[in-house]
Amino acid sequence: MYVVQIVEKLSQLGYPVLLQFFGEGAERTSLQEYCEAHQLNTIVEFKGNQLERVVREAYKKSHFLLLPSESEGWPKVVAEAMFWGCLPIATKVSCVGEMLDYGKRGLLLKMDLDYDIEQIRAILKNLTEYNSKVQESILWSRKYTLDLFENRIKELLYP
């Protein structure tokens, strides 16, 4: 719901936004009902479960990933977004703060709507900073491939 509120507020401020939800979850119905009640269906789309290639193309075409999560194990979705040049805006849970280098490779949500909207607006106004953060996130994420993880696991198991 927090992501919908962010996009709703940005739209009210005149930003041309589009939010796409991928996957299924227990909150889908309540989110759809909220969007219908607040006439947000033109700026919020529910895509459901999709093939990996569809999600990859969405990352490539999107400017941001919004993930106000309360907990994450290994936040794969953040790493995937970074890999494809989609700047993550996420909460500082699990290793997300470290992944985003505490704001150098993305934005960290504080779960304060006014504050978070202002930091998003600031990055939207500064294309140079946005591009710098995107490049930093791409460089960082592309170091962490499945081959690297497999090799590290092998090193742990067979020293």
C-alpha atoms as a PDB file:
ATOM      1  CA  MET A   1       0.000   0.000   0.000  1.00  0.00           C
ATOM      2  CA  TYR A   2       2.910   2.328   0.723  1.00  0.00           C
ATOM      3  CA  VAL A   3       4.104   2.088  -2.889  1.00  0.00           C
ATOM      4  CA  VAL A   4       0.630   2.947  -4.143  1.00  0.00           C
ATOM      5  CA  GLN A   5       0.543   5.956  -1.808  1.00  0.00           C
ATOM      6  CA  ILE A   6       3.930   7.136  -3.120  1.00  0.00           C
ATOM      7  CA  VAL A   7       2.801   6.869  -6.739  1.00  0.00           C
ATOM      8  CA  GLU A   8      -0.560   8.445  -5.964  1.00  0.00           C
ATOM      9  CA  LYS A   9       1.138  11.456  -4.335  1.00  0.00           C
ATOM     10  CA  LEU A  10       3.669  11.825  -7.165  1.00  0.00           C
ATOM     11  CA  SER A  11       0.806  11.775  -9.662  1.00  0.00           C
ATOM     12  CA  GLN A  12      -1.038  14.449  -7.681  1.00  0.00           C
ATOM     13  CA  LEU A  13       2.150  16.549  -7.830  1.00  0.00           C
ATOM     14  CA  GLY A  14       2.104  16.298 -11.623  1.00  0.00           C
ATOM     15  CA  TYR A  15       4.669  13.551 -12.236  1.00  0.00           C
ATOM     16  CA  PRO A  16       3.848  11.147 -15.095  1.00  0.00           C
ATOM     17  CA  VAL A  17       4.017   7.882 -13.147  1.00  0.00           C
ATOM     18  CA  LEU A  18       3.105   4.279 -13.843  1.00  0.00           C
ATOM     19  CA  LEU A  19       3.339   1.559 -11.204  1.00  0.00           C
ATOM     20  CA  GLN A  20       3.364  -2.078 -12.256  1.00  0.00           C
ATOM     21  CA  PHE A  21       2.946  -4.852  -9.706  1.00  0.00           C
ATOM     22  CA  PHE A  22       4.405  -8.229 -10.679  1.00  0.00           C
ATOM     23  CA  GLY A  23       3.528 -11.449  -8.877  1.00  0.00           C
ATOM     24  CA  GLU A  24       0.651 -12.507  -6.695  1.00  0.00           C
ATOM     25  CA  GLY A  25       0.058 -11.970  -3.025  1.00  0.00           C
ATOM     26  CA  ALA A  26      -2.452 -11.761  -0.238  1.00  0.00           C
ATOM     27  CA  GLU A  27      -2.733  -7.971  -0.568  1.00  0.00           C
ATOM     28  CA  ARG A  28      -3.596  -7.874  -4.276  1.00  0.00           C
ATOM     29  CA  THR A  29      -7.373  -7.621  -3.806  1.00  0.00           C
ATOM     30  CA  SER A  30      -7.175  -4.829  -1.229  1.00  0.00           C
ATOM     31  CA  LEU A  31      -4.671  -2.934  -3.393  1.00  0.00           C
ATOM     32  CA  GLN A  32      -6.904  -3.251  -6.452  1.00  0.00           C
ATOM     33  CA  GLU A  33      -9.924  -2.095  -4.453  1.00  0.00           C
ATOM     34  CA  TYR A  34      -7.979   0.933  -3.181  1.00  0.00           C
ATOM     35  CA  CYS A  35      -6.861   1.781  -6.722  1.00  0.00           C
ATOM     36  CA  GLU A  36     -10.418   1.521  -8.029  1.00  0.00           C
ATOM     37  CA  ALA A  37     -11.824   3.616  -5.172  1.00  0.00           C
ATOM     38  CA  HIS A  38      -9.205   6.329  -5.756  1.00  0.00           C
ATOM     39  CA  GLN A  39      -9.323   6.242  -9.583  1.00  0.00           C
ATOM     40  CA  LEU A  40      -5.713   5.049  -9.864  1.00  0.00           C
ATOM     41  CA  ASN A  41      -6.280   2.360 -12.505  1.00  0.00           C
ATOM     42  CA  THR A  42      -4.608   4.497 -15.175  1.00  0.00           C
ATOM     43  CA  ILE A  43      -1.372   4.695 -13.160  1.00  0.00           C
ATOM     44  CA  VAL A  44      -1.347   1.330 -11.344  1.00  0.00           C
ATOM     45  CA  GLU A  45      -1.294  -1.989 -13.205  1.00  0.00           C
ATOM     46  CA  PHE A  46      -1.410  -5.504 -11.769  1.00  0.00           C
ATOM     47  CA  LYS A  47       0.564  -7.872 -13.993  1.00  0.00           C
ATOM     48  CA  GLY A  48       0.388 -11.023 -11.859  1.00  0.00           C
ATOM     49  CA  ASN A  49       2.946 -13.776 -12.230  1.00  0.00           C
ATOM     50  CA  GLN A  50       5.025 -13.371 -15.363  1.00  0.00           C
ATOM     51  CA  LEU A  51       7.822 -15.173 -17.161  1.00  0.00           C
ATOM     52  CA  GLU A  52      11.353 -14.111 -16.241  1.00  0.00           C
ATOM     53  CA  ARG A  53      11.894 -12.479 -19.641  1.00  0.00           C
ATOM     54  CA  VAL A  54       8.802 -10.288 -19.163  1.00  0.00           C
ATOM     55  CA  VAL A  55      10.034  -9.114 -15.766  1.00  0.00           C
ATOM     56  CA  ARG A  56      13.518  -8.506 -17.175  1.00  0.00           C
ATOM     57  CA  GLU A  57      12.074  -6.279 -19.918  1.00  0.00           C
ATOM     58  CA  ALA A  58      10.062  -4.391 -17.313  1.00  0.00           C
ATOM     59  CA  TYR A  59      13.272  -3.716 -15.339  1.00  0.00           C
ATOM     60  CA  LYS A  60      14.980  -2.459 -18.490  1.00  0.00           C
ATOM     61  CA  LYS A  61      12.142  -0.052 -19.263  1.00  0.00           C
ATOM     62  CA  SER A  62      11.576   1.161 -15.703  1.00  0.00           C
ATOM     63  CA  HIS A  63      13.332   3.942 -13.887  1.00  0.00           C
ATOM     64  CA  PHE A  64      12.789   2.618 -10.353  1.00  0.00           C
ATOM     65  CA  LEU A  65      12.028  -0.450  -8.284  1.00  0.00           C
ATOM     66  CA  LEU A  66       9.972   0.419  -5.201  1.00  0.00           C
ATOM     67  CA  LEU A  67      10.305  -2.110  -2.373  1.00  0.00           C
ATOM     68  CA  PRO A  68       9.146  -0.921   1.048  1.00  0.00           C
ATOM     69  CA  SER A  69       9.700  -4.298   2.651  1.00  0.00           C
ATOM     70  CA  GLU A  70       9.653  -5.067   6.365  1.00  0.00           C
ATOM     71  CA  SER A  71      12.008  -8.031   5.975  1.00  0.00           C
ATOM     72  CA  GLU A  72      14.060  -9.733   3.281  1.00  0.00           C
ATOM     73  CA  GLY A  73      16.332 -12.740   3.303  1.00  0.00           C
ATOM     74  CA  TRP A  74      18.500 -12.221   0.238  1.00  0.00           C
ATOM     75  CA  PRO A  75      16.717  -9.452  -1.665  1.00  0.00           C
ATOM     76  CA  LYS A  76      17.096 -10.961  -5.126  1.00  0.00           C
ATOM     77  CA  VAL A  77      14.593  -8.565  -6.674  1.00  0.00           C
ATOM     78  CA  VAL A  78      16.781  -5.609  -5.652  1.00  0.00           C
ATOM     79  CA  ALA A  79      19.878  -7.167  -7.224  1.00  0.00           C
ATOM     80  CA  GLU A  80      17.955  -8.023 -10.410  1.00  0.00           C
ATOM     81  CA  ALA A  81      16.645  -4.476 -10.734  1.00  0.00           C
ATOM     82  CA  MET A  82      20.148  -3.084 -10.244  1.00  0.00           C
ATOM     83  CA  PHE A  83      21.572  -5.471 -12.845  1.00  0.00           C
ATOM     84  CA  TRP A  84      19.157  -4.188 -15.505  1.00  0.00           C
ATOM     85  CA  GLY A  85      19.567  -0.486 -14.686  1.00  0.00           C
ATOM     86  CA  CYS A  86      16.422  -0.006 -12.643  1.00  0.00           C
ATOM     87  CA  LEU A  87      17.293   2.123  -9.607  1.00  0.00           C
ATOM     88  CA  PRO A  88      16.111   0.566  -6.336  1.00  0.00           C
ATOM     89  CA  ILE A  89      14.173   2.561  -3.789  1.00  0.00           C
ATOM     90  CA  ALA A  90      13.887   0.233  -0.823  1.00  0.00           C
ATOM     91  CA  THR A  91      13.844   0.001   2.928  1.00  0.00           C
ATOM     92  CA  LYS A  92      17.059  -0.679   4.820  1.00  0.00           C
ATOM     93  CA  VAL A  93      16.293  -4.273   5.809  1.00  0.00           C
ATOM     94  CA  SER A  94      18.536  -7.309   5.707  1.00  0.00           C
ATOM     95  CA  CYS A  95      21.530  -6.405   3.516  1.00  0.00           C
ATOM     96  CA  VAL A  96      19.689  -3.812   1.392  1.00  0.00           C
ATOM     97  CA  GLY A  97      21.480  -0.881   3.025  1.00  0.00           C
ATOM     98  CA  GLU A  98      24.821  -2.433   2.191  1.00  0.00           C
ATOM     99  CA  MET A  99      23.690  -3.371  -1.334  1.00  0.00           C
ATOM    100  CA  LEU A 100      22.705   0.240  -1.983  1.00  0.00           C
ATOM    101  CA  ASP A 101      25.867   1.490  -0.263  1.00  0.00           C
ATOM    102  CA  TYR A 102      23.591   3.406   2.097  1.00  0.00           C
ATOM    103  CA  GLY A 103      22.223   5.583  -0.697  1.00  0.00           C
ATOM    104  CA  LYS A 104      25.053   5.674  -3.229  1.00  0.00           C
ATOM    105  CA  ARG A 105      23.432   3.009  -5.451  1.00  0.00           C
ATOM    106  CA  GLY A 106      19.762   3.777  -4.792  1.00  0.00           C
ATOM    107  CA  LEU A 107      17.436   5.435  -2.308  1.00  0.00           C
ATOM    108  CA  LEU A 108      16.619   4.156   1.163  1.00  0.00           C
ATOM    109  CA  LEU A 109      13.040   4.619   2.267  1.00  0.00           C
ATOM    110  CA  LYS A 110      12.399   5.846   5.800  1.00  0.00           C
ATOM    111  CA  MET A 111       8.684   4.939   5.642  1.00  0.00           C
ATOM    112  CA  ASP A 112       7.816   8.589   6.202  1.00  0.00           C
ATOM    113  CA  LEU A 113       5.693   9.506   3.188  1.00  0.00           C
ATOM    114  CA  ASP A 114       6.623  13.201   3.059  1.00  0.00           C
ATOM    115  CA  TYR A 115      10.345  12.506   3.478  1.00  0.00           C
ATOM    116  CA  ASP A 116      10.356   9.677   0.952  1.00  0.00           C
ATOM    117  CA  ILE A 117       8.409  11.712  -1.614  1.00  0.00           C
ATOM    118  CA  GLU A 118      10.905  14.559  -1.247  1.00  0.00           C
ATOM    119  CA  GLN A 119      13.930  12.335  -1.806  1.00  0.00           C
ATOM    120  CA  ILE A 120      12.275  10.809  -4.886  1.00  0.00           C
ATOM    121  CA  ARG A 121      11.443  14.287  -6.191  1.00  0.00           C
ATOM    122  CA  ALA A 122      15.053  15.352  -5.586  1.00  0.00           C
ATOM    123  CA  ILE A 123      16.433  12.471  -7.668  1.00  0.00           C
ATOM    124  CA  LEU A 124      13.864  13.171 -10.399  1.00  0.00           C
ATOM    125  CA  LYS A 125      15.128  16.755 -10.585  1.00  0.00           C
ATOM    126  CA  ASN A 126      18.786  15.716 -10.818  1.00  0.00           C
ATOM    127  CA  LEU A 127      19.372  13.527 -13.877  1.00  0.00           C
ATOM    128  CA  THR A 128      23.141  13.525 -13.288  1.00  0.00           C
ATOM    129  CA  GLU A 129      22.724  12.084  -9.795  1.00  0.00           C
ATOM    130  CA  TYR A 130      20.120   9.597 -11.014  1.00  0.00           C
ATOM    131  CA  ASN A 131      22.412   8.357 -13.800  1.00  0.00           C
ATOM    132  CA  SER A 132      25.360   8.134 -11.390  1.00  0.00           C
ATOM    133  CA  LYS A 133      23.371   6.008  -8.949  1.00  0.00           C
ATOM    134  CA  VAL A 134      22.129   3.775 -11.792  1.00  0.00           C
ATOM    135  CA  GLN A 135      25.679   3.239 -13.072  1.00  0.00           C
ATOM    136  CA  GLU A 136      26.965   2.495  -9.563  1.00  0.00           C
ATOM    137  CA  SER A 137      24.162  -0.030  -9.046  1.00  0.00           C
ATOM    138  CA  ILE A 138      24.817  -1.730 -12.395  1.00  0.00           C
ATOM    139  CA  LEU A 139      28.552  -2.028 -11.698  1.00  0.00           C
ATOM    140  CA  TRP A 140      27.971  -3.422  -8.223  1.00  0.00           C
ATOM    141  CA  SER A 141      25.274  -5.916  -9.225  1.00  0.00           C
ATOM    142  CA  ARG A 142      27.133  -7.321 -12.206  1.00  0.00           C
ATOM    143  CA  LYS A 143      29.919  -8.507  -9.918  1.00  0.00           C
ATOM    144  CA  TYR A 144      27.465 -10.913  -8.285  1.00  0.00           C
ATOM    145  CA  THR A 145      26.618 -13.583 -10.824  1.00  0.00           C
ATOM    146  CA  LEU A 146      25.367 -17.118 -10.217  1.00  0.00           C
ATOM    147  CA  ASP A 147      28.805 -18.389 -11.280  1.00  0.00           C
ATOM    148  CA  LEU A 148      30.434 -16.308  -8.557  1.00  0.00           C
ATOM    149  CA  PHE A 149      27.992 -17.606  -5.936  1.00  0.00           C
ATOM    150  CA  GLU A 150      28.490 -21.216  -7.043  1.00  0.00           C
ATOM    151  CA  ASN A 151      32.254 -20.826  -6.888  1.00  0.00           C
ATOM    152  CA  ARG A 152      32.085 -19.262  -3.420  1.00  0.00           C
ATOM    153  CA  ILE A 153      29.892 -22.117  -2.179  1.00  0.00           C
ATOM    154  CA  LYS A 154      32.339 -24.634  -3.619  1.00  0.00           C
ATOM    155  CA  GLU A 155      35.188 -22.820  -1.860  1.00  0.00           C
ATOM    156  CA  LEU A 156      33.299 -23.120   1.435  1.00  0.00           C
ATOM    157  CA  LEU A 157      32.462 -26.783   0.930  1.00  0.00           C
ATOM    158  CA  TYR A 158      35.781 -27.865  -0.558  1.00  0.00           C
ATOM    159  CA  PRO A 159      38.510 -25.607   0.861  1.00  0.00           C
END
